[in-house]
Amino acid sequence: MASFYKRLIKDFSSLMAYITECLKRGAFEWTKAAQRAFEEVKQKLCHASVLALPNFKDLFEWNVMLVELELGLS
């Protein structure tokens, strides 16, 4: 899932470094830096421009590849 979110949020990996650091010490310890990073990632996910509805007055363009074998067209 992280690789998907990485495309949506700028500096996602840098923010998540604080959270993954909590797992590296052998015992899980939630730090203030991890909490701040979590809150920032959560805020960016909830307000990402990707979640906005498109302008339905604009023309949509779909690119579709048809494979003859999969559709039984051969």
PDB file of N, CA and C in Angstrom:
ATOM      1  N   MET A   1       0.821  -1.190   0.000  1.00  0.00           N
ATOM      2  CA  MET A   1       0.000   0.000   0.000  1.00  0.00           C
ATOM      3  C   MET A   1       0.868   1.258   0.000  1.00  0.00           C
ATOM      4  N   ALA A   2       1.996   1.187   0.652  1.00  0.00           N
ATOM      5  CA  ALA A   2       2.829   2.384   0.752  1.00  0.00           C
ATOM      6  C   ALA A   2       3.285   2.867  -0.615  1.00  0.00           C
ATOM      7  N   SER A   3       3.565   1.958  -1.525  1.00  0.00           N
ATOM      8  CA  SER A   3       4.016   2.386  -2.851  1.00  0.00           C
ATOM      9  C   SER A   3       2.908   3.124  -3.599  1.00  0.00           C
ATOM     10  N   PHE A   4       1.646   2.792  -3.308  1.00  0.00           N
ATOM     11  CA  PHE A   4       0.534   3.508  -3.916  1.00  0.00           C
ATOM     12  C   PHE A   4       0.448   4.922  -3.361  1.00  0.00           C
ATOM     13  N   TYR A   5       0.514   5.062  -2.041  1.00  0.00           N
ATOM     14  CA  TYR A   5       0.415   6.375  -1.408  1.00  0.00           C
ATOM     15  C   TYR A   5       1.613   7.259  -1.720  1.00  0.00           C
ATOM     16  N   LYS A   6       2.749   6.629  -1.963  1.00  0.00           N
ATOM     17  CA  LYS A   6       3.968   7.380  -2.283  1.00  0.00           C
ATOM     18  C   LYS A   6       3.769   8.245  -3.523  1.00  0.00           C
ATOM     19  N   ARG A   7       2.923   7.789  -4.428  1.00  0.00           N
ATOM     20  CA  ARG A   7       2.659   8.556  -5.642  1.00  0.00           C
ATOM     21  C   ARG A   7       1.727   9.739  -5.380  1.00  0.00           C
ATOM     22  N   LEU A   8       0.948   9.681  -4.313  1.00  0.00           N
ATOM     23  CA  LEU A   8      -0.032  10.723  -4.041  1.00  0.00           C
ATOM     24  C   LEU A   8       0.477  11.832  -3.130  1.00  0.00           C
ATOM     25  N   ILE A   9       1.433  11.507  -2.263  1.00  0.00           N
ATOM     26  CA  ILE A   9       1.866  12.443  -1.231  1.00  0.00           C
ATOM     27  C   ILE A   9       3.329  12.794  -1.420  1.00  0.00           C
ATOM     28  N   LYS A  10       3.592  14.089  -1.520  1.00  0.00           N
ATOM     29  CA  LYS A  10       4.969  14.554  -1.653  1.00  0.00           C
ATOM     30  C   LYS A  10       5.734  14.243  -0.359  1.00  0.00           C
ATOM     31  N   ASP A  11       6.946  13.761  -0.494  1.00  0.00           N
ATOM     32  CA  ASP A  11       7.827  13.420   0.639  1.00  0.00           C
ATOM     33  C   ASP A  11       7.239  12.337   1.541  1.00  0.00           C
ATOM     34  N   PHE A  12       6.449  11.431   0.976  1.00  0.00           N
ATOM     35  CA  PHE A  12       5.836  10.364   1.754  1.00  0.00           C
ATOM     36  C   PHE A  12       6.888   9.501   2.446  1.00  0.00           C
ATOM     37  N   SER A  13       7.921   9.135   1.721  1.00  0.00           N
ATOM     38  CA  SER A  13       8.968   8.274   2.289  1.00  0.00           C
ATOM     39  C   SER A  13       9.679   8.945   3.450  1.00  0.00           C
ATOM     40  N   SER A  14       9.928  10.236   3.331  1.00  0.00           N
ATOM     41  CA  SER A  14      10.595  10.970   4.407  1.00  0.00           C
ATOM     42  C   SER A  14       9.727  11.017   5.655  1.00  0.00           C
ATOM     43  N   LEU A  15       8.439  11.204   5.458  1.00  0.00           N
ATOM     44  CA  LEU A  15       7.525  11.236   6.604  1.00  0.00           C
ATOM     45  C   LEU A  15       7.411   9.856   7.260  1.00  0.00           C
ATOM     46  N   MET A  16       7.340   8.826   6.450  1.00  0.00           N
ATOM     47  CA  MET A  16       7.184   7.478   6.985  1.00  0.00           C
ATOM     48  C   MET A  16       8.445   6.969   7.668  1.00  0.00           C
ATOM     49  N   ALA A  17       9.577   7.607   7.401  1.00  0.00           N
ATOM     50  CA  ALA A  17      10.827   7.181   8.036  1.00  0.00           C
ATOM     51  C   ALA A  17      10.729   7.275   9.555  1.00  0.00           C
ATOM     52  N   TYR A  18      10.040   8.289  10.063  1.00  0.00           N
ATOM     53  CA  TYR A  18       9.868   8.430  11.513  1.00  0.00           C
ATOM     54  C   TYR A  18       9.046   7.283  12.085  1.00  0.00           C
ATOM     55  N   ILE A  19       8.074   6.830  11.323  1.00  0.00           N
ATOM     56  CA  ILE A  19       7.217   5.745  11.796  1.00  0.00           C
ATOM     57  C   ILE A  19       7.933   4.404  11.702  1.00  0.00           C
ATOM     58  N   THR A  20       8.647   4.172  10.610  1.00  0.00           N
ATOM     59  CA  THR A  20       9.370   2.902  10.476  1.00  0.00           C
ATOM     60  C   THR A  20      10.533   2.810  11.453  1.00  0.00           C
ATOM     61  N   GLU A  21      11.043   3.944  11.878  1.00  0.00           N
ATOM     62  CA  GLU A  21      12.121   3.953  12.880  1.00  0.00           C
ATOM     63  C   GLU A  21      11.652   3.332  14.195  1.00  0.00           C
ATOM     64  N   CYS A  22      10.375   3.455  14.481  1.00  0.00           N
ATOM     65  CA  CYS A  22       9.813   2.874  15.711  1.00  0.00           C
ATOM     66  C   CYS A  22       9.935   1.357  15.729  1.00  0.00           C
ATOM     67  N   LEU A  23      10.004   0.746  14.575  1.00  0.00           N
ATOM     68  CA  LEU A  23      10.059  -0.714  14.475  1.00  0.00           C
ATOM     69  C   LEU A  23      11.476  -1.258  14.476  1.00  0.00           C
ATOM     70  N   LYS A  24      12.474  -0.420  14.282  1.00  0.00           N
ATOM     71  CA  LYS A  24      13.853  -0.882  14.102  1.00  0.00           C
ATOM     72  C   LYS A  24      14.591  -1.163  15.409  1.00  0.00           C
ATOM     73  N   ARG A  25      14.123  -0.652  16.493  1.00  0.00           N
ATOM     74  CA  ARG A  25      14.881  -0.750  17.747  1.00  0.00           C
ATOM     75  C   ARG A  25      14.665  -2.066  18.493  1.00  0.00           C
ATOM     76  N   GLY A  26      13.929  -2.975  17.939  1.00  0.00           N
ATOM     77  CA  GLY A  26      13.684  -4.236  18.619  1.00  0.00           C
ATOM     78  C   GLY A  26      12.387  -4.219  19.414  1.00  0.00           C
ATOM     79  N   ALA A  27      12.086  -3.105  20.022  1.00  0.00           N
ATOM     80  CA  ALA A  27      10.832  -2.939  20.749  1.00  0.00           C
ATOM     81  C   ALA A  27      10.098  -1.738  20.150  1.00  0.00           C
ATOM     82  N   PHE A  28       8.800  -1.872  20.013  1.00  0.00           N
ATOM     83  CA  PHE A  28       8.020  -0.802  19.415  1.00  0.00           C
ATOM     84  C   PHE A  28       7.901   0.361  20.389  1.00  0.00           C
ATOM     85  N   GLU A  29       8.346   1.534  19.941  1.00  0.00           N
ATOM     86  CA  GLU A  29       8.258   2.743  20.772  1.00  0.00           C
ATOM     87  C   GLU A  29       7.745   3.881  19.899  1.00  0.00           C
ATOM     88  N   TRP A  30       6.522   4.330  20.189  1.00  0.00           N
ATOM     89  CA  TRP A  30       5.883   5.400  19.423  1.00  0.00           C
ATOM     90  C   TRP A  30       6.401   6.730  19.946  1.00  0.00           C
ATOM     91  N   THR A  31       7.103   7.475  19.094  1.00  0.00           N
ATOM     92  CA  THR A  31       7.727   8.729  19.509  1.00  0.00           C
ATOM     93  C   THR A  31       6.861   9.922  19.116  1.00  0.00           C
ATOM     94  N   LYS A  32       7.211  11.083  19.640  1.00  0.00           N
ATOM     95  CA  LYS A  32       6.504  12.310  19.266  1.00  0.00           C
ATOM     96  C   LYS A  32       6.703  12.618  17.779  1.00  0.00           C
ATOM     97  N   ALA A  33       7.910  12.349  17.273  1.00  0.00           N
ATOM     98  CA  ALA A  33       8.184  12.566  15.849  1.00  0.00           C
ATOM     99  C   ALA A  33       7.319  11.646  14.985  1.00  0.00           C
ATOM    100  N   ALA A  34       7.139  10.403  15.429  1.00  0.00           N
ATOM    101  CA  ALA A  34       6.287   9.463  14.690  1.00  0.00           C
ATOM    102  C   ALA A  34       4.836   9.934  14.712  1.00  0.00           C
ATOM    103  N   GLN A  35       4.387  10.447  15.834  1.00  0.00           N
ATOM    104  CA  GLN A  35       3.015  10.951  15.932  1.00  0.00           C
ATOM    105  C   GLN A  35       2.796  12.145  15.003  1.00  0.00           C
ATOM    106  N   ARG A  36       3.771  13.067  14.977  1.00  0.00           N
ATOM    107  CA  ARG A  36       3.665  14.218  14.077  1.00  0.00           C
ATOM    108  C   ARG A  36       3.630  13.764  12.619  1.00  0.00           C
ATOM    109  N   ALA A  37       4.493  12.806  12.277  1.00  0.00           N
ATOM    110  CA  ALA A  37       4.527  12.288  10.901  1.00  0.00           C
ATOM    111  C   ALA A  37       3.204  11.605  10.559  1.00  0.00           C
ATOM    112  N   PHE A  38       2.669  10.827  11.496  1.00  0.00           N
ATOM    113  CA  PHE A  38       1.391  10.152  11.274  1.00  0.00           C
ATOM    114  C   PHE A  38       0.275  11.164  11.026  1.00  0.00           C
ATOM    115  N   GLU A  39       0.224  12.203  11.844  1.00  0.00           N
ATOM    116  CA  GLU A  39      -0.815  13.225  11.689  1.00  0.00           C
ATOM    117  C   GLU A  39      -0.682  13.951  10.347  1.00  0.00           C
ATOM    118  N   GLU A  40       0.554  14.203   9.923  1.00  0.00           N
ATOM    119  CA  GLU A  40       0.762  14.895   8.648  1.00  0.00           C
ATOM    120  C   GLU A  40       0.368  14.016   7.464  1.00  0.00           C
ATOM    121  N   VAL A  41       0.733  12.742   7.513  1.00  0.00           N
ATOM    122  CA  VAL A  41       0.353  11.822   6.439  1.00  0.00           C
ATOM    123  C   VAL A  41      -1.163  11.676   6.395  1.00  0.00           C
ATOM    124  N   LYS A  42      -1.778  11.553   7.561  1.00  0.00           N
ATOM    125  CA  LYS A  42      -3.235  11.419   7.623  1.00  0.00           C
ATOM    126  C   LYS A  42      -3.918  12.648   7.033  1.00  0.00           C
ATOM    127  N   GLN A  43      -3.406  13.826   7.368  1.00  0.00           N
ATOM    128  CA  GLN A  43      -3.983  15.070   6.853  1.00  0.00           C
ATOM    129  C   GLN A  43      -3.825  15.144   5.339  1.00  0.00           C
ATOM    130  N   LYS A  44      -2.649  14.774   4.831  1.00  0.00           N
ATOM    131  CA  LYS A  44      -2.403  14.841   3.389  1.00  0.00           C
ATOM    132  C   LYS A  44      -3.233  13.816   2.629  1.00  0.00           C
ATOM    133  N   LEU A  45      -3.463  12.648   3.216  1.00  0.00           N
ATOM    134  CA  LEU A  45      -4.288  11.647   2.551  1.00  0.00           C
ATOM    135  C   LEU A  45      -5.740  12.095   2.467  1.00  0.00           C
ATOM    136  N   CYS A  46      -6.202  12.737   3.500  1.00  0.00           N
ATOM    137  CA  CYS A  46      -7.609  13.167   3.531  1.00  0.00           C
ATOM    138  C   CYS A  46      -7.858  14.393   2.672  1.00  0.00           C
ATOM    139  N   HIS A  47      -6.822  15.142   2.357  1.00  0.00           N
ATOM    140  CA  HIS A  47      -6.991  16.367   1.595  1.00  0.00           C
ATOM    141  C   HIS A  47      -6.214  16.362   0.279  1.00  0.00           C
ATOM    142  N   ALA A  48      -5.842  15.180  -0.171  1.00  0.00           N
ATOM    143  CA  ALA A  48      -5.082  15.080  -1.423  1.00  0.00           C
ATOM    144  C   ALA A  48      -5.949  15.538  -2.586  1.00  0.00           C
ATOM    145  N   SER A  49      -5.366  16.272  -3.500  1.00  0.00           N
ATOM    146  CA  SER A  49      -6.115  16.760  -4.659  1.00  0.00           C
ATOM    147  C   SER A  49      -6.617  15.611  -5.529  1.00  0.00           C
ATOM    148  N   VAL A  50      -6.020  14.442  -5.380  1.00  0.00           N
ATOM    149  CA  VAL A  50      -6.440  13.275  -6.140  1.00  0.00           C
ATOM    150  C   VAL A  50      -7.851  12.853  -5.734  1.00  0.00           C
ATOM    151  N   LEU A  51      -8.231  13.166  -4.505  1.00  0.00           N
ATOM    152  CA  LEU A  51      -9.545  12.775  -4.020  1.00  0.00           C
ATOM    153  C   LEU A  51     -10.652  13.704  -4.506  1.00  0.00           C
ATOM    154  N   ALA A  52     -10.292  14.783  -5.170  1.00  0.00           N
ATOM    155  CA  ALA A  52     -11.288  15.735  -5.660  1.00  0.00           C
ATOM    156  C   ALA A  52     -11.995  15.159  -6.890  1.00  0.00           C
ATOM    157  N   LEU A  53     -13.249  15.511  -7.039  1.00  0.00           N
ATOM    158  CA  LEU A  53     -13.991  15.083  -8.214  1.00  0.00           C
ATOM    159  C   LEU A  53     -13.476  15.814  -9.446  1.00  0.00           C
ATOM    160  N   PRO A  54     -13.473  15.132 -10.579  1.00  0.00           N
ATOM    161  CA  PRO A  54     -13.043  15.802 -11.810  1.00  0.00           C
ATOM    162  C   PRO A  54     -14.098  16.799 -12.272  1.00  0.00           C
ATOM    163  N   ASN A  55     -13.713  17.656 -13.174  1.00  0.00           N
ATOM    164  CA  ASN A  55     -14.653  18.599 -13.772  1.00  0.00           C
ATOM    165  C   ASN A  55     -15.392  17.858 -14.880  1.00  0.00           C
ATOM    166  N   PHE A  56     -16.674  17.567 -14.648  1.00  0.00           N
ATOM    167  CA  PHE A  56     -17.442  16.766 -15.596  1.00  0.00           C
ATOM    168  C   PHE A  56     -17.818  17.540 -16.861  1.00  0.00           C
ATOM    169  N   LYS A  57     -17.543  18.828 -16.887  1.00  0.00           N
ATOM    170  CA  LYS A  57     -17.779  19.605 -18.098  1.00  0.00           C
ATOM    171  C   LYS A  57     -16.644  19.416 -19.101  1.00  0.00           C
ATOM    172  N   ASP A  58     -15.478  18.950 -18.615  1.00  0.00           N
ATOM    173  CA  ASP A  58     -14.343  18.685 -19.500  1.00  0.00           C
ATOM    174  C   ASP A  58     -14.543  17.362 -20.226  1.00  0.00           C
ATOM    175  N   LEU A  59     -13.856  17.219 -21.334  1.00  0.00           N
ATOM    176  CA  LEU A  59     -13.909  16.004 -22.125  1.00  0.00           C
ATOM    177  C   LEU A  59     -12.998  14.955 -21.494  1.00  0.00           C
ATOM    178  N   PHE A  60     -13.499  13.744 -21.328  1.00  0.00           N
ATOM    179  CA  PHE A  60     -12.701  12.646 -20.794  1.00  0.00           C
ATOM    180  C   PHE A  60     -12.159  11.824 -21.946  1.00  0.00           C
ATOM    181  N   GLU A  61     -10.933  11.378 -21.802  1.00  0.00           N
ATOM    182  CA  GLU A  61     -10.306  10.568 -22.832  1.00  0.00           C
ATOM    183  C   GLU A  61      -9.867   9.255 -22.207  1.00  0.00           C
ATOM    184  N   TRP A  62     -10.291   8.161 -22.775  1.00  0.00           N
ATOM    185  CA  TRP A  62      -9.936   6.834 -22.270  1.00  0.00           C
ATOM    186  C   TRP A  62      -9.027   6.156 -23.272  1.00  0.00           C
ATOM    187  N   ASN A  63      -7.960   5.579 -22.774  1.00  0.00           N
ATOM    188  CA  ASN A  63      -7.071   4.788 -23.614  1.00  0.00           C
ATOM    189  C   ASN A  63      -7.262   3.333 -23.216  1.00  0.00           C
ATOM    190  N   VAL A  64      -7.727   2.524 -24.135  1.00  0.00           N
ATOM    191  CA  VAL A  64      -8.016   1.127 -23.842  1.00  0.00           C
ATOM    192  C   VAL A  64      -7.273   0.252 -24.840  1.00  0.00           C
ATOM    193  N   MET A  65      -6.562  -0.740 -24.309  1.00  0.00           N
ATOM    194  CA  MET A  65      -5.890  -1.704 -25.178  1.00  0.00           C
ATOM    195  C   MET A  65      -6.754  -2.952 -25.260  1.00  0.00           C
ATOM    196  N   LEU A  66      -7.061  -3.364 -26.441  1.00  0.00           N
ATOM    197  CA  LEU A  66      -7.830  -4.585 -26.630  1.00  0.00           C
ATOM    198  C   LEU A  66      -6.884  -5.686 -27.078  1.00  0.00           C
ATOM    199  N   VAL A  67      -6.925  -6.772 -26.376  1.00  0.00           N
ATOM    200  CA  VAL A  67      -6.103  -7.915 -26.733  1.00  0.00           C
ATOM    201  C   VAL A  67      -7.025  -8.966 -27.347  1.00  0.00           C
ATOM    202  N   GLU A  68      -6.762  -9.325 -28.572  1.00  0.00           N
ATOM    203  CA  GLU A  68      -7.652 -10.216 -29.313  1.00  0.00           C
ATOM    204  C   GLU A  68      -7.873 -11.549 -28.601  1.00  0.00           C
ATOM    205  N   LEU A  69      -6.831 -12.129 -28.075  1.00  0.00           N
ATOM    206  CA  LEU A  69      -6.960 -13.454 -27.456  1.00  0.00           C
ATOM    207  C   LEU A  69      -7.858 -13.405 -26.211  1.00  0.00           C
ATOM    208  N   GLU A  70      -7.720 -12.375 -25.412  1.00  0.00           N
ATOM    209  CA  GLU A  70      -8.512 -12.284 -24.178  1.00  0.00           C
ATOM    210  C   GLU A  70      -9.982 -12.086 -24.477  1.00  0.00           C
ATOM    211  N   LEU A  71     -10.294 -11.391 -25.544  1.00  0.00           N
ATOM    212  CA  LEU A  71     -11.685 -11.119 -25.881  1.00  0.00           C
ATOM    213  C   LEU A  71     -12.280 -12.152 -26.820  1.00  0.00           C
ATOM    214  N   GLY A  72     -11.491 -13.086 -27.273  1.00  0.00           N
ATOM    215  CA  GLY A  72     -11.984 -14.115 -28.177  1.00  0.00           C
ATOM    216  C   GLY A  72     -12.295 -13.586 -29.564  1.00  0.00           C
ATOM    217  N   LEU A  73     -11.572 -12.573 -30.007  1.00  0.00           N
ATOM    218  CA  LEU A  73     -11.835 -11.963 -31.306  1.00  0.00           C
ATOM    219  C   LEU A  73     -11.057 -12.606 -32.442  1.00  0.00           C
ATOM    220  N   SER A  74     -10.178 -13.511 -32.120  1.00  0.00           N
ATOM    221  CA  SER A  74      -9.330 -14.096 -33.179  1.00  0.00           C
ATOM    222  C   SER A  74     -10.055 -15.133 -33.983  1.00  0.00           C
TER     223      SER A  74
END
